[in-house]
Amino acid sequence: MIGHIRRKLAAATDGDRQMVEILIAVLNDRLGAVVAACREALASGTHSRDVILKILARRHDVTPAPCVAVPAALTLSIEPAADCGRYDRLFASCIRASFGPSVIARTRNS
């Protein structure tokens, strides 16, 4: 499997570099896991280093972090509201300060 990947990567300009990174993964994930990831990548029709390393990363046992209770003192009393108009006003004032009011008039007319 790894030999097959090596032959396919030989056609790429950075194929040697990709192959080295795949082989380095053996140090962390064991040879069997890397071979299985190569097999899965080939079965899906690809052979790039990125795909193989992502397959290996998905197989790591990642347990979600435990939920942390938020103290009542840190709870928002007023929820923030999305205000796109505020962004537009801030943007216009920055443009006006940097380039003058004529730039704002030209951008509105276009």
PDB file of N, CA and C in Angstrom:
ATOM      1  N   MET A   1       0.815  -1.189   0.000  1.00  0.00           N
ATOM      2  CA  MET A   1       0.000   0.000   0.000  1.00  0.00           C
ATOM      3  C   MET A   1       0.867   1.265   0.000  1.00  0.00           C
ATOM      4  N   ILE A   2       1.834   1.330   0.892  1.00  0.00           N
ATOM      5  CA  ILE A   2       2.689   2.507   0.965  1.00  0.00           C
ATOM      6  C   ILE A   2       3.528   2.634  -0.309  1.00  0.00           C
ATOM      7  N   GLY A   3       3.969   1.505  -0.844  1.00  0.00           N
ATOM      8  CA  GLY A   3       4.717   1.523  -2.103  1.00  0.00           C
ATOM      9  C   GLY A   3       3.865   2.062  -3.251  1.00  0.00           C
ATOM     10  N   HIS A   4       2.593   1.714  -3.246  1.00  0.00           N
ATOM     11  CA  HIS A   4       1.679   2.201  -4.274  1.00  0.00           C
ATOM     12  C   HIS A   4       1.529   3.717  -4.162  1.00  0.00           C
ATOM     13  N   ILE A   5       1.393   4.210  -2.950  1.00  0.00           N
ATOM     14  CA  ILE A   5       1.310   5.650  -2.714  1.00  0.00           C
ATOM     15  C   ILE A   5       2.601   6.323  -3.191  1.00  0.00           C
ATOM     16  N   ARG A   6       3.747   5.713  -2.867  1.00  0.00           N
ATOM     17  CA  ARG A   6       5.045   6.283  -3.251  1.00  0.00           C
ATOM     18  C   ARG A   6       5.148   6.411  -4.767  1.00  0.00           C
ATOM     19  N   ARG A   7       4.705   5.375  -5.484  1.00  0.00           N
ATOM     20  CA  ARG A   7       4.751   5.426  -6.953  1.00  0.00           C
ATOM     21  C   ARG A   7       3.831   6.516  -7.500  1.00  0.00           C
ATOM     22  N   LYS A   8       2.671   6.678  -6.922  1.00  0.00           N
ATOM     23  CA  LYS A   8       1.738   7.711  -7.387  1.00  0.00           C
ATOM     24  C   LYS A   8       2.274   9.105  -7.073  1.00  0.00           C
ATOM     25  N   LEU A   9       2.901   9.248  -5.893  1.00  0.00           N
ATOM     26  CA  LEU A   9       3.434  10.556  -5.512  1.00  0.00           C
ATOM     27  C   LEU A   9       4.679  10.927  -6.309  1.00  0.00           C
ATOM     28  N   ALA A  10       5.337   9.951  -6.911  1.00  0.00           N
ATOM     29  CA  ALA A  10       6.551  10.225  -7.681  1.00  0.00           C
ATOM     30  C   ALA A  10       6.277  11.183  -8.838  1.00  0.00           C
ATOM     31  N   ALA A  11       5.056  11.231  -9.308  1.00  0.00           N
ATOM     32  CA  ALA A  11       4.710  12.114 -10.415  1.00  0.00           C
ATOM     33  C   ALA A  11       4.554  13.568  -9.974  1.00  0.00           C
ATOM     34  N   ALA A  12       4.332  13.790  -8.690  1.00  0.00           N
ATOM     35  CA  ALA A  12       4.145  15.157  -8.185  1.00  0.00           C
ATOM     36  C   ALA A  12       5.495  15.836  -7.982  1.00  0.00           C
ATOM     37  N   THR A  13       5.517  17.155  -8.116  1.00  0.00           N
ATOM     38  CA  THR A  13       6.782  17.888  -7.944  1.00  0.00           C
ATOM     39  C   THR A  13       7.290  17.806  -6.509  1.00  0.00           C
ATOM     40  N   ASP A  14       6.372  17.731  -5.558  1.00  0.00           N
ATOM     41  CA  ASP A  14       6.777  17.611  -4.150  1.00  0.00           C
ATOM     42  C   ASP A  14       6.453  16.221  -3.606  1.00  0.00           C
ATOM     43  N   GLY A  15       6.450  15.242  -4.472  1.00  0.00           N
ATOM     44  CA  GLY A  15       6.090  13.883  -4.079  1.00  0.00           C
ATOM     45  C   GLY A  15       6.992  13.307  -3.007  1.00  0.00           C
ATOM     46  N   ASP A  16       8.311  13.583  -3.094  1.00  0.00           N
ATOM     47  CA  ASP A  16       9.236  13.071  -2.072  1.00  0.00           C
ATOM     48  C   ASP A  16       8.910  13.665  -0.708  1.00  0.00           C
ATOM     49  N   ARG A  17       8.639  14.951  -0.677  1.00  0.00           N
ATOM     50  CA  ARG A  17       8.311  15.624   0.581  1.00  0.00           C
ATOM     51  C   ARG A  17       7.017  15.057   1.170  1.00  0.00           C
ATOM     52  N   GLN A  18       6.021  14.846   0.311  1.00  0.00           N
ATOM     53  CA  GLN A  18       4.760  14.267   0.778  1.00  0.00           C
ATOM     54  C   GLN A  18       4.979  12.874   1.349  1.00  0.00           C
ATOM     55  N   MET A  19       5.797  12.078   0.660  1.00  0.00           N
ATOM     56  CA  MET A  19       6.052  10.713   1.115  1.00  0.00           C
ATOM     57  C   MET A  19       6.765  10.713   2.455  1.00  0.00           C
ATOM     58  N   VAL A  20       7.719  11.621   2.642  1.00  0.00           N
ATOM     59  CA  VAL A  20       8.433  11.703   3.916  1.00  0.00           C
ATOM     60  C   VAL A  20       7.464  12.034   5.040  1.00  0.00           C
ATOM     61  N   GLU A  21       6.541  12.964   4.796  1.00  0.00           N
ATOM     62  CA  GLU A  21       5.580  13.315   5.843  1.00  0.00           C
ATOM     63  C   GLU A  21       4.648  12.154   6.165  1.00  0.00           C
ATOM     64  N   ILE A  22       4.311  11.366   5.172  1.00  0.00           N
ATOM     65  CA  ILE A  22       3.488  10.174   5.433  1.00  0.00           C
ATOM     66  C   ILE A  22       4.284   9.174   6.269  1.00  0.00           C
ATOM     67  N   LEU A  23       5.552   8.985   5.934  1.00  0.00           N
ATOM     68  CA  LEU A  23       6.382   8.043   6.696  1.00  0.00           C
ATOM     69  C   LEU A  23       6.634   8.531   8.122  1.00  0.00           C
ATOM     70  N   ILE A  24       6.736   9.835   8.313  1.00  0.00           N
ATOM     71  CA  ILE A  24       6.900  10.380   9.665  1.00  0.00           C
ATOM     72  C   ILE A  24       5.677  10.063  10.518  1.00  0.00           C
ATOM     73  N   ALA A  25       4.521   9.981   9.893  1.00  0.00           N
ATOM     74  CA  ALA A  25       3.299   9.654  10.629  1.00  0.00           C
ATOM     75  C   ALA A  25       3.370   8.271  11.263  1.00  0.00           C
ATOM     76  N   VAL A  26       4.219   7.394  10.713  1.00  0.00           N
ATOM     77  CA  VAL A  26       4.378   6.041  11.281  1.00  0.00           C
ATOM     78  C   VAL A  26       4.896   6.137  12.717  1.00  0.00           C
ATOM     79  N   LEU A  27       5.719   7.150  13.001  1.00  0.00           N
ATOM     80  CA  LEU A  27       6.258   7.297  14.355  1.00  0.00           C
ATOM     81  C   LEU A  27       5.165   7.532  15.380  1.00  0.00           C
ATOM     82  N   ASN A  28       4.130   8.266  15.001  1.00  0.00           N
ATOM     83  CA  ASN A  28       3.044   8.575  15.941  1.00  0.00           C
ATOM     84  C   ASN A  28       1.893   7.589  15.889  1.00  0.00           C
ATOM     85  N   ASP A  29       1.600   7.081  14.698  1.00  0.00           N
ATOM     86  CA  ASP A  29       0.369   6.324  14.513  1.00  0.00           C
ATOM     87  C   ASP A  29       0.542   4.834  14.233  1.00  0.00           C
ATOM     88  N   ARG A  30       1.776   4.335  14.226  1.00  0.00           N
ATOM     89  CA  ARG A  30       2.061   2.933  13.912  1.00  0.00           C
ATOM     90  C   ARG A  30       1.912   2.669  12.413  1.00  0.00           C
ATOM     91  N   LEU A  31       2.674   1.721  11.957  1.00  0.00           N
ATOM     92  CA  LEU A  31       2.697   1.365  10.539  1.00  0.00           C
ATOM     93  C   LEU A  31       1.335   0.866  10.072  1.00  0.00           C
ATOM     94  N   GLY A  32       0.685   0.043  10.882  1.00  0.00           N
ATOM     95  CA  GLY A  32      -0.616  -0.514  10.483  1.00  0.00           C
ATOM     96  C   GLY A  32      -1.661   0.560  10.236  1.00  0.00           C
ATOM     97  N   ALA A  33      -1.670   1.575  11.088  1.00  0.00           N
ATOM     98  CA  ALA A  33      -2.643   2.657  10.920  1.00  0.00           C
ATOM     99  C   ALA A  33      -2.354   3.461   9.662  1.00  0.00           C
ATOM    100  N   VAL A  34      -1.064   3.701   9.364  1.00  0.00           N
ATOM    101  CA  VAL A  34      -0.706   4.451   8.165  1.00  0.00           C
ATOM    102  C   VAL A  34      -1.058   3.648   6.916  1.00  0.00           C
ATOM    103  N   VAL A  35      -0.795   2.364   6.943  1.00  0.00           N
ATOM    104  CA  VAL A  35      -1.149   1.507   5.802  1.00  0.00           C
ATOM    105  C   VAL A  35      -2.662   1.520   5.591  1.00  0.00           C
ATOM    106  N   ALA A  36      -3.427   1.427   6.681  1.00  0.00           N
ATOM    107  CA  ALA A  36      -4.888   1.456   6.564  1.00  0.00           C
ATOM    108  C   ALA A  36      -5.363   2.800   6.012  1.00  0.00           C
ATOM    109  N   ALA A  37      -4.729   3.899   6.434  1.00  0.00           N
ATOM    110  CA  ALA A  37      -5.099   5.222   5.922  1.00  0.00           C
ATOM    111  C   ALA A  37      -4.768   5.332   4.439  1.00  0.00           C
ATOM    112  N   CYS A  38      -3.626   4.781   4.031  1.00  0.00           N
ATOM    113  CA  CYS A  38      -3.262   4.767   2.612  1.00  0.00           C
ATOM    114  C   CYS A  38      -4.277   3.962   1.815  1.00  0.00           C
ATOM    115  N   ARG A  39      -4.681   2.828   2.361  1.00  0.00           N
ATOM    116  CA  ARG A  39      -5.661   1.981   1.683  1.00  0.00           C
ATOM    117  C   ARG A  39      -6.987   2.731   1.524  1.00  0.00           C
ATOM    118  N   GLU A  40      -7.407   3.424   2.580  1.00  0.00           N
ATOM    119  CA  GLU A  40      -8.663   4.176   2.528  1.00  0.00           C
ATOM    120  C   GLU A  40      -8.571   5.321   1.506  1.00  0.00           C
ATOM    121  N   ALA A  41      -7.426   6.014   1.489  1.00  0.00           N
ATOM    122  CA  ALA A  41      -7.249   7.109   0.534  1.00  0.00           C
ATOM    123  C   ALA A  41      -7.297   6.587  -0.903  1.00  0.00           C
ATOM    124  N   LEU A  42      -6.616   5.480  -1.160  1.00  0.00           N
ATOM    125  CA  LEU A  42      -6.627   4.912  -2.514  1.00  0.00           C
ATOM    126  C   LEU A  42      -8.022   4.448  -2.904  1.00  0.00           C
ATOM    127  N   ALA A  43      -8.765   3.897  -1.940  1.00  0.00           N
ATOM    128  CA  ALA A  43     -10.124   3.445  -2.232  1.00  0.00           C
ATOM    129  C   ALA A  43     -11.031   4.622  -2.587  1.00  0.00           C
ATOM    130  N   SER A  44     -10.721   5.797  -2.028  1.00  0.00           N
ATOM    131  CA  SER A  44     -11.541   6.973  -2.342  1.00  0.00           C
ATOM    132  C   SER A  44     -11.047   7.687  -3.599  1.00  0.00           C
ATOM    133  N   GLY A  45      -9.982   7.161  -4.216  1.00  0.00           N
ATOM    134  CA  GLY A  45      -9.514   7.701  -5.474  1.00  0.00           C
ATOM    135  C   GLY A  45      -8.481   8.809  -5.350  1.00  0.00           C
ATOM    136  N   THR A  46      -7.846   8.918  -4.209  1.00  0.00           N
ATOM    137  CA  THR A  46      -6.834   9.953  -4.038  1.00  0.00           C
ATOM    138  C   THR A  46      -5.597   9.360  -3.390  1.00  0.00           C
ATOM    139  N   HIS A  47      -4.514  10.124  -3.416  1.00  0.00           N
ATOM    140  CA  HIS A  47      -3.279   9.608  -2.826  1.00  0.00           C
ATOM    141  C   HIS A  47      -2.437  10.718  -2.222  1.00  0.00           C
ATOM    142  N   SER A  48      -3.023  11.868  -1.920  1.00  0.00           N
ATOM    143  CA  SER A  48      -2.227  12.987  -1.412  1.00  0.00           C
ATOM    144  C   SER A  48      -1.922  12.835   0.075  1.00  0.00           C
ATOM    145  N   ARG A  49      -0.827  13.441   0.465  1.00  0.00           N
ATOM    146  CA  ARG A  49      -0.396  13.438   1.865  1.00  0.00           C
ATOM    147  C   ARG A  49      -1.490  14.013   2.760  1.00  0.00           C
ATOM    148  N   ASP A  50      -2.104  15.124   2.319  1.00  0.00           N
ATOM    149  CA  ASP A  50      -3.100  15.788   3.150  1.00  0.00           C
ATOM    150  C   ASP A  50      -4.265  14.866   3.474  1.00  0.00           C
ATOM    151  N   VAL A  51      -4.726  14.130   2.484  1.00  0.00           N
ATOM    152  CA  VAL A  51      -5.851  13.219   2.703  1.00  0.00           C
ATOM    153  C   VAL A  51      -5.454  12.113   3.674  1.00  0.00           C
ATOM    154  N   ILE A  52      -4.285  11.548   3.487  1.00  0.00           N
ATOM    155  CA  ILE A  52      -3.837  10.454   4.355  1.00  0.00           C
ATOM    156  C   ILE A  52      -3.668  10.938   5.791  1.00  0.00           C
ATOM    157  N   LEU A  53      -3.076  12.104   5.972  1.00  0.00           N
ATOM    158  CA  LEU A  53      -2.883  12.621   7.325  1.00  0.00           C
ATOM    159  C   LEU A  53      -4.211  12.990   7.976  1.00  0.00           C
ATOM    160  N   LYS A  54      -5.178  13.451   7.190  1.00  0.00           N
ATOM    161  CA  LYS A  54      -6.494  13.762   7.753  1.00  0.00           C
ATOM    162  C   LYS A  54      -7.233  12.491   8.155  1.00  0.00           C
ATOM    163  N   ILE A  55      -7.067  11.441   7.382  1.00  0.00           N
ATOM    164  CA  ILE A  55      -7.670  10.154   7.758  1.00  0.00           C
ATOM    165  C   ILE A  55      -7.091   9.696   9.092  1.00  0.00           C
ATOM    166  N   LEU A  56      -5.779   9.824   9.229  1.00  0.00           N
ATOM    167  CA  LEU A  56      -5.141   9.437  10.498  1.00  0.00           C
ATOM    168  C   LEU A  56      -5.631  10.305  11.649  1.00  0.00           C
ATOM    169  N   ALA A  57      -5.765  11.588  11.421  1.00  0.00           N
ATOM    170  CA  ALA A  57      -6.217  12.498  12.476  1.00  0.00           C
ATOM    171  C   ALA A  57      -7.636  12.173  12.921  1.00  0.00           C
ATOM    172  N   ARG A  58      -8.489  11.784  11.980  1.00  0.00           N
ATOM    173  CA  ARG A  58      -9.876  11.435  12.342  1.00  0.00           C
ATOM    174  C   ARG A  58      -9.926  10.203  13.225  1.00  0.00           C
ATOM    175  N   ARG A  59      -8.939   9.331  13.095  1.00  0.00           N
ATOM    176  CA  ARG A  59      -8.956   8.083  13.854  1.00  0.00           C
ATOM    177  C   ARG A  59      -8.483   8.247  15.293  1.00  0.00           C
ATOM    178  N   HIS A  60      -7.851   9.378  15.593  1.00  0.00           N
ATOM    179  CA  HIS A  60      -7.421   9.596  16.971  1.00  0.00           C
ATOM    180  C   HIS A  60      -8.645   9.718  17.861  1.00  0.00           C
ATOM    181  N   ASP A  61      -8.536   9.169  19.045  1.00  0.00           N
ATOM    182  CA  ASP A  61      -9.644   9.229  19.993  1.00  0.00           C
ATOM    183  C   ASP A  61      -9.662  10.621  20.618  1.00  0.00           C
ATOM    184  N   VAL A  62     -10.509  11.464  20.079  1.00  0.00           N
ATOM    185  CA  VAL A  62     -10.613  12.821  20.600  1.00  0.00           C
ATOM    186  C   VAL A  62     -11.899  12.911  21.405  1.00  0.00           C
ATOM    187  N   THR A  63     -11.731  13.038  22.687  1.00  0.00           N
ATOM    188  CA  THR A  63     -12.902  13.181  23.532  1.00  0.00           C
ATOM    189  C   THR A  63     -13.174  14.666  23.721  1.00  0.00           C
ATOM    190  N   PRO A  64     -14.417  15.062  23.641  1.00  0.00           N
ATOM    191  CA  PRO A  64     -14.718  16.476  23.788  1.00  0.00           C
ATOM    192  C   PRO A  64     -14.403  16.960  25.207  1.00  0.00           C
ATOM    193  N   ALA A  65     -14.026  18.199  25.286  1.00  0.00           N
ATOM    194  CA  ALA A  65     -13.728  18.790  26.590  1.00  0.00           C
ATOM    195  C   ALA A  65     -15.001  18.840  27.425  1.00  0.00           C
ATOM    196  N   PRO A  66     -14.865  18.649  28.726  1.00  0.00           N
ATOM    197  CA  PRO A  66     -16.066  18.689  29.562  1.00  0.00           C
ATOM    198  C   PRO A  66     -16.660  20.101  29.588  1.00  0.00           C
ATOM    199  N   CYS A  67     -17.965  20.161  29.719  1.00  0.00           N
ATOM    200  CA  CYS A  67     -18.642  21.448  29.797  1.00  0.00           C
ATOM    201  C   CYS A  67     -18.303  22.112  31.128  1.00  0.00           C
ATOM    202  N   VAL A  68     -18.123  23.400  31.072  1.00  0.00           N
ATOM    203  CA  VAL A  68     -17.808  24.157  32.272  1.00  0.00           C
ATOM    204  C   VAL A  68     -19.034  24.969  32.644  1.00  0.00           C
ATOM    205  N   ALA A  69     -19.408  24.907  33.904  1.00  0.00           N
ATOM    206  CA  ALA A  69     -20.545  25.686  34.370  1.00  0.00           C
ATOM    207  C   ALA A  69     -20.151  27.165  34.420  1.00  0.00           C
ATOM    208  N   VAL A  70     -20.987  27.997  33.841  1.00  0.00           N
ATOM    209  CA  VAL A  70     -20.726  29.434  33.822  1.00  0.00           C
ATOM    210  C   VAL A  70     -21.375  30.056  35.057  1.00  0.00           C
ATOM    211  N   PRO A  71     -20.586  30.777  35.848  1.00  0.00           N
ATOM    212  CA  PRO A  71     -21.172  31.427  37.028  1.00  0.00           C
ATOM    213  C   PRO A  71     -22.227  32.448  36.608  1.00  0.00           C
ATOM    214  N   ALA A  72     -23.222  32.625  37.454  1.00  0.00           N
ATOM    215  CA  ALA A  72     -24.318  33.545  37.140  1.00  0.00           C
ATOM    216  C   ALA A  72     -23.806  34.966  36.940  1.00  0.00           C
ATOM    217  N   ALA A  73     -22.727  35.333  37.606  1.00  0.00           N
ATOM    218  CA  ALA A  73     -22.186  36.688  37.475  1.00  0.00           C
ATOM    219  C   ALA A  73     -21.644  36.944  36.073  1.00  0.00           C
ATOM    220  N   LEU A  74     -21.299  35.896  35.336  1.00  0.00           N
ATOM    221  CA  LEU A  74     -20.761  36.051  33.991  1.00  0.00           C
ATOM    222  C   LEU A  74     -21.813  35.915  32.898  1.00  0.00           C
ATOM    223  N   THR A  75     -23.040  35.661  33.267  1.00  0.00           N
ATOM    224  CA  THR A  75     -24.115  35.513  32.296  1.00  0.00           C
ATOM    225  C   THR A  75     -24.505  36.886  31.762  1.00  0.00           C
ATOM    226  N   LEU A  76     -24.707  36.978  30.450  1.00  0.00           N
ATOM    227  CA  LEU A  76     -25.092  38.258  29.843  1.00  0.00           C
ATOM    228  C   LEU A  76     -26.497  38.644  30.257  1.00  0.00           C
ATOM    229  N   SER A  77     -26.659  39.865  30.657  1.00  0.00           N
ATOM    230  CA  SER A  77     -28.009  40.332  30.991  1.00  0.00           C
ATOM    231  C   SER A  77     -28.708  40.883  29.750  1.00  0.00           C
ATOM    232  N   ILE A  78     -27.919  41.421  28.813  1.00  0.00           N
ATOM    233  CA  ILE A  78     -28.469  41.904  27.550  1.00  0.00           C
ATOM    234  C   ILE A  78     -27.702  41.209  26.426  1.00  0.00           C
ATOM    235  N   GLU A  79     -28.415  40.457  25.624  1.00  0.00           N
ATOM    236  CA  GLU A  79     -27.795  39.749  24.507  1.00  0.00           C
ATOM    237  C   GLU A  79     -27.326  40.751  23.459  1.00  0.00           C
ATOM    238  N   PRO A  80     -26.149  40.554  22.880  1.00  0.00           N
ATOM    239  CA  PRO A  80     -25.703  41.457  21.824  1.00  0.00           C
ATOM    240  C   PRO A  80     -26.560  41.273  20.570  1.00  0.00           C
ATOM    241  N   ALA A  81     -26.814  42.374  19.881  1.00  0.00           N
ATOM    242  CA  ALA A  81     -27.619  42.330  18.657  1.00  0.00           C
ATOM    243  C   ALA A  81     -26.715  42.595  17.457  1.00  0.00           C
ATOM    244  N   ALA A  82     -26.935  41.848  16.405  1.00  0.00           N
ATOM    245  CA  ALA A  82     -26.189  42.085  15.175  1.00  0.00           C
ATOM    246  C   ALA A  82     -26.679  43.387  14.555  1.00  0.00           C
ATOM    247  N   ASP A  83     -25.747  44.257  14.229  1.00  0.00           N
ATOM    248  CA  ASP A  83     -26.106  45.551  13.658  1.00  0.00           C
ATOM    249  C   ASP A  83     -25.184  45.846  12.481  1.00  0.00           C
ATOM    250  N   CYS A  84     -25.587  45.409  11.296  1.00  0.00           N
ATOM    251  CA  CYS A  84     -24.774  45.625  10.100  1.00  0.00           C
ATOM    252  C   CYS A  84     -24.683  47.100   9.754  1.00  0.00           C
ATOM    253  N   GLY A  85     -25.717  47.854  10.089  1.00  0.00           N
ATOM    254  CA  GLY A  85     -25.700  49.291   9.836  1.00  0.00           C
ATOM    255  C   GLY A  85     -24.579  49.972  10.607  1.00  0.00           C
ATOM    256  N   ARG A  86     -24.296  49.478  11.816  1.00  0.00           N
ATOM    257  CA  ARG A  86     -23.201  50.049  12.609  1.00  0.00           C
ATOM    258  C   ARG A  86     -21.874  49.832  11.889  1.00  0.00           C
ATOM    259  N   TYR A  87     -21.690  48.663  11.342  1.00  0.00           N
ATOM    260  CA  TYR A  87     -20.467  48.391  10.581  1.00  0.00           C
ATOM    261  C   TYR A  87     -20.361  49.357   9.404  1.00  0.00           C
ATOM    262  N   ASP A  88     -21.453  49.538   8.681  1.00  0.00           N
ATOM    263  CA  ASP A  88     -21.442  50.438   7.529  1.00  0.00           C
ATOM    264  C   ASP A  88     -21.098  51.866   7.957  1.00  0.00           C
ATOM    265  N   ARG A  89     -21.671  52.318   9.083  1.00  0.00           N
ATOM    266  CA  ARG A  89     -21.375  53.671   9.564  1.00  0.00           C
ATOM    267  C   ARG A  89     -19.910  53.800   9.958  1.00  0.00           C
ATOM    268  N   LEU A  90     -19.368  52.796  10.650  1.00  0.00           N
ATOM    269  CA  LEU A  90     -17.963  52.839  11.038  1.00  0.00           C
ATOM    270  C   LEU A  90     -17.056  52.825   9.816  1.00  0.00           C
ATOM    271  N   PHE A  91     -17.390  51.999   8.856  1.00  0.00           N
ATOM    272  CA  PHE A  91     -16.596  51.910   7.636  1.00  0.00           C
ATOM    273  C   PHE A  91     -16.606  53.242   6.898  1.00  0.00           C
ATOM    274  N   ALA A  92     -17.792  53.833   6.781  1.00  0.00           N
ATOM    275  CA  ALA A  92     -17.913  55.113   6.083  1.00  0.00           C
ATOM    276  C   ALA A  92     -17.118  56.195   6.799  1.00  0.00           C
ATOM    277  N   SER A  93     -17.157  56.193   8.132  1.00  0.00           N
ATOM    278  CA  SER A  93     -16.415  57.233   8.854  1.00  0.00           C
ATOM    279  C   SER A  93     -14.905  57.037   8.691  1.00  0.00           C
ATOM    280  N   CYS A  94     -14.435  55.798   8.631  1.00  0.00           N
ATOM    281  CA  CYS A  94     -13.009  55.543   8.404  1.00  0.00           C
ATOM    282  C   CYS A  94     -12.587  55.992   7.015  1.00  0.00           C
ATOM    283  N   ILE A  95     -13.415  55.700   6.018  1.00  0.00           N
ATOM    284  CA  ILE A  95     -13.119  56.108   4.649  1.00  0.00           C
ATOM    285  C   ILE A  95     -13.122  57.632   4.562  1.00  0.00           C
ATOM    286  N   ARG A  96     -14.122  58.241   5.185  1.00  0.00           N
ATOM    287  CA  ARG A  96     -14.228  59.692   5.152  1.00  0.00           C
ATOM    288  C   ARG A  96     -13.006  60.330   5.804  1.00  0.00           C
ATOM    289  N   ALA A  97     -12.575  59.764   6.926  1.00  0.00           N
ATOM    290  CA  ALA A  97     -11.416  60.310   7.627  1.00  0.00           C
ATOM    291  C   ALA A  97     -10.137  60.118   6.819  1.00  0.00           C
ATOM    292  N   SER A  98     -10.057  59.022   6.081  1.00  0.00           N
ATOM    293  CA  SER A  98      -8.830  58.738   5.329  1.00  0.00           C
ATOM    294  C   SER A  98      -8.781  59.414   3.966  1.00  0.00           C
ATOM    295  N   PHE A  99      -9.931  59.455   3.275  1.00  0.00           N
ATOM    296  CA  PHE A  99      -9.916  59.901   1.878  1.00  0.00           C
ATOM    297  C   PHE A  99     -10.802  61.111   1.595  1.00  0.00           C
ATOM    298  N   GLY A 100     -11.639  61.480   2.517  1.00  0.00           N
ATOM    299  CA  GLY A 100     -12.527  62.618   2.306  1.00  0.00           C
ATOM    300  C   GLY A 100     -13.905  62.175   1.869  1.00  0.00           C
ATOM    301  N   PRO A 101     -14.893  63.067   1.987  1.00  0.00           N
ATOM    302  CA  PRO A 101     -16.282  62.700   1.691  1.00  0.00           C
ATOM    303  C   PRO A 101     -16.544  62.398   0.226  1.00  0.00           C
ATOM    304  N   SER A 102     -15.703  62.862  -0.695  1.00  0.00           N
ATOM    305  CA  SER A 102     -15.960  62.618  -2.116  1.00  0.00           C
ATOM    306  C   SER A 102     -15.868  61.136  -2.464  1.00  0.00           C
ATOM    307  N   VAL A 103     -15.041  60.391  -1.744  1.00  0.00           N
ATOM    308  CA  VAL A 103     -14.916  58.954  -2.007  1.00  0.00           C
ATOM    309  C   VAL A 103     -16.213  58.238  -1.642  1.00  0.00           C
ATOM    310  N   ILE A 104     -16.831  58.626  -0.546  1.00  0.00           N
ATOM    311  CA  ILE A 104     -18.099  58.007  -0.121  1.00  0.00           C
ATOM    312  C   ILE A 104     -19.158  58.260  -1.188  1.00  0.00           C
ATOM    313  N   ALA A 105     -19.242  59.473  -1.696  1.00  0.00           N
ATOM    314  CA  ALA A 105     -20.233  59.809  -2.710  1.00  0.00           C
ATOM    315  C   ALA A 105     -20.009  58.982  -3.967  1.00  0.00           C
ATOM    316  N   ARG A 106     -18.751  58.795  -4.379  1.00  0.00           N
ATOM    317  CA  ARG A 106     -18.471  58.008  -5.583  1.00  0.00           C
ATOM    318  C   ARG A 106     -18.821  56.549  -5.405  1.00  0.00           C
ATOM    319  N   THR A 107     -18.574  55.971  -4.214  1.00  0.00           N
ATOM    320  CA  THR A 107     -18.880  54.557  -4.007  1.00  0.00           C
ATOM    321  C   THR A 107     -20.376  54.320  -3.937  1.00  0.00           C
ATOM    322  N   ARG A 108     -21.135  55.278  -3.475  1.00  0.00           N
ATOM    323  CA  ARG A 108     -22.594  55.114  -3.421  1.00  0.00           C
ATOM    324  C   ARG A 108     -23.211  55.193  -4.814  1.00  0.00           C
ATOM    325  N   ASN A 109     -22.606  55.959  -5.706  1.00  0.00           N
ATOM    326  CA  ASN A 109     -23.148  56.130  -7.057  1.00  0.00           C
ATOM    327  C   ASN A 109     -22.788  54.973  -7.972  1.00  0.00           C
ATOM    328  N   SER A 110     -21.816  54.144  -7.610  1.00  0.00           N
ATOM    329  CA  SER A 110     -21.420  53.060  -8.495  1.00  0.00           C
ATOM    330  C   SER A 110     -22.123  51.778  -8.189  1.00  0.00           C
TER     331      SER A 110
END
